[in-house]
Amino acid sequence: MELIELNGKIQVTGEDCIVTEGMVVDKTENSVYFSIPADDKKFKLFREGEQVQGHVFSQSKGLLFSGVISSRIWHTF
């Protein structure tokens, strides 16, 4: 998980094979939290329990992982 950087780009592919780009907002040992801009034409609303693949690129290295969408976490500032 050291390749996953906060505020770094992430590509998430859902069960429908649509690729959506977002930004990593937090991470733990077992989870990656990301946001997707709502004004993006490729915006996709993932549903809880959906199987996804994540792609993270850092300089000349990349990381591909599988995961499951968990419940949403709402942040207010």
N, C-alpha and C. Protein backbone atom coordinates (compact mmCIF):
# COMPACT_ATOMS: atom_id res chain seq x y z
N MET A 1 0.82 -1.20 0.00
CA MET A 1 0.00 0.00 0.00
C MET A 1 0.86 1.26 0.00
N GLU A 2 2.17 1.13 0.03
CA GLU A 2 3.02 2.32 0.05
C GLU A 2 2.99 3.08 -1.27
N LEU A 3 2.57 2.43 -2.35
CA LEU A 3 2.45 3.14 -3.63
C LEU A 3 1.22 4.05 -3.67
N ILE A 4 0.26 3.81 -2.80
CA ILE A 4 -0.95 4.62 -2.77
C ILE A 4 -0.68 5.88 -1.95
N GLU A 5 -0.72 7.03 -2.60
CA GLU A 5 -0.41 8.29 -1.95
C GLU A 5 -1.68 9.11 -1.76
N LEU A 6 -1.78 9.80 -0.63
CA LEU A 6 -2.90 10.71 -0.41
C LEU A 6 -2.89 11.79 -1.48
N ASN A 7 -4.04 12.15 -1.94
CA ASN A 7 -4.24 13.12 -3.03
C ASN A 7 -3.70 12.64 -4.37
N GLY A 8 -3.35 11.35 -4.46
CA GLY A 8 -2.91 10.77 -5.72
C GLY A 8 -4.09 10.33 -6.56
N LYS A 9 -3.84 10.10 -7.84
CA LYS A 9 -4.90 9.65 -8.74
C LYS A 9 -5.16 8.16 -8.57
N ILE A 10 -6.42 7.79 -8.77
CA ILE A 10 -6.81 6.39 -8.75
C ILE A 10 -7.82 6.17 -9.88
N GLN A 11 -7.70 5.04 -10.55
CA GLN A 11 -8.69 4.64 -11.55
C GLN A 11 -9.45 3.46 -10.97
N VAL A 12 -10.77 3.55 -11.00
CA VAL A 12 -11.61 2.50 -10.44
C VAL A 12 -12.50 1.96 -11.56
N THR A 13 -12.47 0.64 -11.73
CA THR A 13 -13.28 -0.03 -12.74
C THR A 13 -14.35 -0.84 -12.04
N GLY A 14 -15.61 -0.56 -12.35
CA GLY A 14 -16.73 -1.25 -11.73
C GLY A 14 -17.09 -2.53 -12.46
N GLU A 15 -18.13 -3.19 -11.96
CA GLU A 15 -18.59 -4.44 -12.56
C GLU A 15 -19.05 -4.25 -14.00
N ASP A 16 -19.46 -3.03 -14.37
CA ASP A 16 -19.91 -2.74 -15.72
C ASP A 16 -18.76 -2.38 -16.66
N CYS A 17 -17.51 -2.52 -16.18
CA CYS A 17 -16.28 -2.27 -16.94
C CYS A 17 -16.08 -0.80 -17.31
N ILE A 18 -16.80 0.11 -16.66
CA ILE A 18 -16.59 1.53 -16.88
C ILE A 18 -15.49 2.01 -15.95
N VAL A 19 -14.50 2.71 -16.53
CA VAL A 19 -13.36 3.23 -15.77
C VAL A 19 -13.67 4.65 -15.33
N THR A 20 -13.50 4.93 -14.05
CA THR A 20 -13.73 6.24 -13.47
C THR A 20 -12.48 6.68 -12.74
N GLU A 21 -12.10 7.94 -12.91
CA GLU A 21 -10.91 8.46 -12.23
C GLU A 21 -11.31 9.25 -11.01
N GLY A 22 -10.51 9.13 -9.97
CA GLY A 22 -10.77 9.85 -8.74
C GLY A 22 -9.48 10.22 -8.04
N MET A 23 -9.61 10.62 -6.78
CA MET A 23 -8.47 11.03 -5.98
C MET A 23 -8.52 10.30 -4.64
N VAL A 24 -7.37 9.81 -4.19
CA VAL A 24 -7.27 9.13 -2.90
C VAL A 24 -7.37 10.18 -1.80
N VAL A 25 -8.34 10.03 -0.91
CA VAL A 25 -8.51 11.00 0.18
C VAL A 25 -8.07 10.45 1.53
N ASP A 26 -7.98 9.13 1.66
CA ASP A 26 -7.51 8.52 2.89
C ASP A 26 -7.20 7.06 2.62
N LYS A 27 -6.42 6.45 3.49
CA LYS A 27 -6.13 5.03 3.36
C LYS A 27 -5.82 4.47 4.73
N THR A 28 -6.09 3.18 4.89
CA THR A 28 -5.73 2.43 6.09
C THR A 28 -5.00 1.19 5.61
N GLU A 29 -4.72 0.31 6.52
CA GLU A 29 -4.03 -0.92 6.14
C GLU A 29 -4.85 -1.77 5.18
N ASN A 30 -6.19 -1.72 5.32
CA ASN A 30 -7.06 -2.58 4.52
C ASN A 30 -8.02 -1.84 3.62
N SER A 31 -8.01 -0.51 3.62
CA SER A 31 -9.00 0.25 2.86
C SER A 31 -8.36 1.44 2.16
N VAL A 32 -8.99 1.81 1.05
CA VAL A 32 -8.62 3.02 0.33
C VAL A 32 -9.89 3.83 0.15
N TYR A 33 -9.87 5.08 0.57
CA TYR A 33 -11.02 5.97 0.43
C TYR A 33 -10.72 6.94 -0.70
N PHE A 34 -11.67 7.09 -1.61
CA PHE A 34 -11.44 7.96 -2.76
C PHE A 34 -12.67 8.79 -3.04
N SER A 35 -12.47 9.87 -3.75
CA SER A 35 -13.59 10.72 -4.16
C SER A 35 -13.56 10.85 -5.67
N ILE A 36 -14.75 11.06 -6.22
CA ILE A 36 -14.90 11.25 -7.66
C ILE A 36 -15.60 12.58 -7.87
N PRO A 37 -15.05 13.47 -8.68
CA PRO A 37 -15.71 14.77 -8.90
C PRO A 37 -17.07 14.58 -9.58
N ALA A 38 -18.08 15.22 -9.03
CA ALA A 38 -19.45 15.07 -9.55
C ALA A 38 -19.64 15.76 -10.89
N ASP A 39 -18.78 16.69 -11.24
CA ASP A 39 -18.94 17.39 -12.51
C ASP A 39 -18.22 16.69 -13.66
N ASP A 40 -17.59 15.57 -13.39
CA ASP A 40 -16.90 14.79 -14.41
C ASP A 40 -17.93 14.09 -15.30
N LYS A 41 -17.72 14.13 -16.61
CA LYS A 41 -18.66 13.47 -17.53
C LYS A 41 -18.65 11.96 -17.36
N LYS A 42 -17.57 11.42 -16.79
CA LYS A 42 -17.48 9.98 -16.55
C LYS A 42 -17.88 9.63 -15.12
N PHE A 43 -18.62 10.50 -14.47
CA PHE A 43 -19.04 10.26 -13.08
C PHE A 43 -19.85 8.97 -13.00
N LYS A 44 -19.56 8.20 -11.97
CA LYS A 44 -20.30 6.96 -11.74
C LYS A 44 -20.58 6.86 -10.25
N LEU A 45 -21.78 6.52 -9.92
CA LEU A 45 -22.16 6.31 -8.53
C LEU A 45 -22.07 4.81 -8.26
N PHE A 46 -21.11 4.42 -7.43
CA PHE A 46 -20.95 3.01 -7.09
C PHE A 46 -21.97 2.63 -6.03
N ARG A 47 -22.39 1.39 -6.05
CA ARG A 47 -23.34 0.92 -5.04
C ARG A 47 -22.61 0.05 -4.02
N GLU A 48 -23.12 0.06 -2.81
CA GLU A 48 -22.52 -0.72 -1.74
C GLU A 48 -22.50 -2.20 -2.11
N GLY A 49 -21.36 -2.84 -1.93
CA GLY A 49 -21.19 -4.25 -2.25
C GLY A 49 -20.67 -4.52 -3.65
N GLU A 50 -20.54 -3.48 -4.47
CA GLU A 50 -20.07 -3.66 -5.85
C GLU A 50 -18.59 -4.04 -5.86
N GLN A 51 -18.26 -5.03 -6.69
CA GLN A 51 -16.87 -5.44 -6.87
C GLN A 51 -16.18 -4.45 -7.80
N VAL A 52 -14.98 -4.01 -7.44
CA VAL A 52 -14.23 -3.06 -8.26
C VAL A 52 -12.77 -3.47 -8.35
N GLN A 53 -12.09 -2.90 -9.34
CA GLN A 53 -10.64 -3.00 -9.43
C GLN A 53 -10.09 -1.59 -9.36
N GLY A 54 -9.02 -1.42 -8.60
CA GLY A 54 -8.38 -0.12 -8.49
C GLY A 54 -7.01 -0.15 -9.14
N HIS A 55 -6.66 0.94 -9.79
CA HIS A 55 -5.36 1.09 -10.43
C HIS A 55 -4.74 2.37 -9.89
N VAL A 56 -3.54 2.27 -9.35
CA VAL A 56 -2.83 3.44 -8.85
C VAL A 56 -1.46 3.45 -9.51
N PHE A 57 -1.05 4.62 -9.97
CA PHE A 57 0.25 4.77 -10.63
C PHE A 57 1.09 5.76 -9.83
N SER A 58 2.34 5.40 -9.59
CA SER A 58 3.26 6.27 -8.87
C SER A 58 4.59 6.25 -9.62
N GLN A 59 4.92 7.35 -10.25
CA GLN A 59 6.12 7.48 -11.08
C GLN A 59 6.14 6.37 -12.12
N SER A 60 7.08 5.44 -12.07
CA SER A 60 7.15 4.39 -13.09
C SER A 60 6.59 3.05 -12.60
N LYS A 61 5.91 3.05 -11.47
CA LYS A 61 5.35 1.83 -10.91
C LYS A 61 3.83 1.92 -10.87
N GLY A 62 3.19 0.78 -10.82
CA GLY A 62 1.74 0.74 -10.74
C GLY A 62 1.28 -0.35 -9.79
N LEU A 63 0.06 -0.23 -9.33
CA LEU A 63 -0.53 -1.20 -8.42
C LEU A 63 -1.96 -1.47 -8.87
N LEU A 64 -2.31 -2.73 -9.01
CA LEU A 64 -3.66 -3.15 -9.37
C LEU A 64 -4.20 -3.98 -8.21
N PHE A 65 -5.40 -3.64 -7.74
CA PHE A 65 -5.98 -4.40 -6.63
C PHE A 65 -7.49 -4.51 -6.82
N SER A 66 -8.06 -5.52 -6.19
CA SER A 66 -9.50 -5.73 -6.22
C SER A 66 -10.08 -5.33 -4.87
N GLY A 67 -11.35 -4.93 -4.89
CA GLY A 67 -11.99 -4.54 -3.65
C GLY A 67 -13.49 -4.55 -3.77
N VAL A 68 -14.14 -4.21 -2.68
CA VAL A 68 -15.58 -4.13 -2.60
C VAL A 68 -15.94 -2.76 -2.04
N ILE A 69 -16.91 -2.11 -2.66
CA ILE A 69 -17.35 -0.80 -2.19
C ILE A 69 -18.09 -0.98 -0.86
N SER A 70 -17.64 -0.24 0.14
CA SER A 70 -18.31 -0.28 1.44
C SER A 70 -19.24 0.93 1.56
N SER A 71 -19.76 1.17 2.70
CA SER A 71 -20.68 2.30 2.89
C SER A 71 -19.95 3.61 2.68
N ARG A 72 -20.71 4.64 2.31
CA ARG A 72 -20.13 5.96 2.07
C ARG A 72 -19.79 6.63 3.38
N ILE A 73 -18.76 7.44 3.33
CA ILE A 73 -18.39 8.28 4.47
C ILE A 73 -18.52 9.72 4.01
N TRP A 74 -19.37 10.49 4.65
CA TRP A 74 -19.60 11.87 4.28
C TRP A 74 -18.68 12.77 5.08
N HIS A 75 -17.98 13.65 4.38
CA HIS A 75 -17.10 14.61 5.03
C HIS A 75 -17.73 15.99 4.91
N THR A 76 -17.75 16.73 5.98
CA THR A 76 -18.18 18.11 5.93
C THR A 76 -17.02 18.98 6.40
N PHE A 77 -16.85 20.09 5.74
CA PHE A 77 -15.74 20.97 6.09
C PHE A 77 -16.25 22.30 6.57
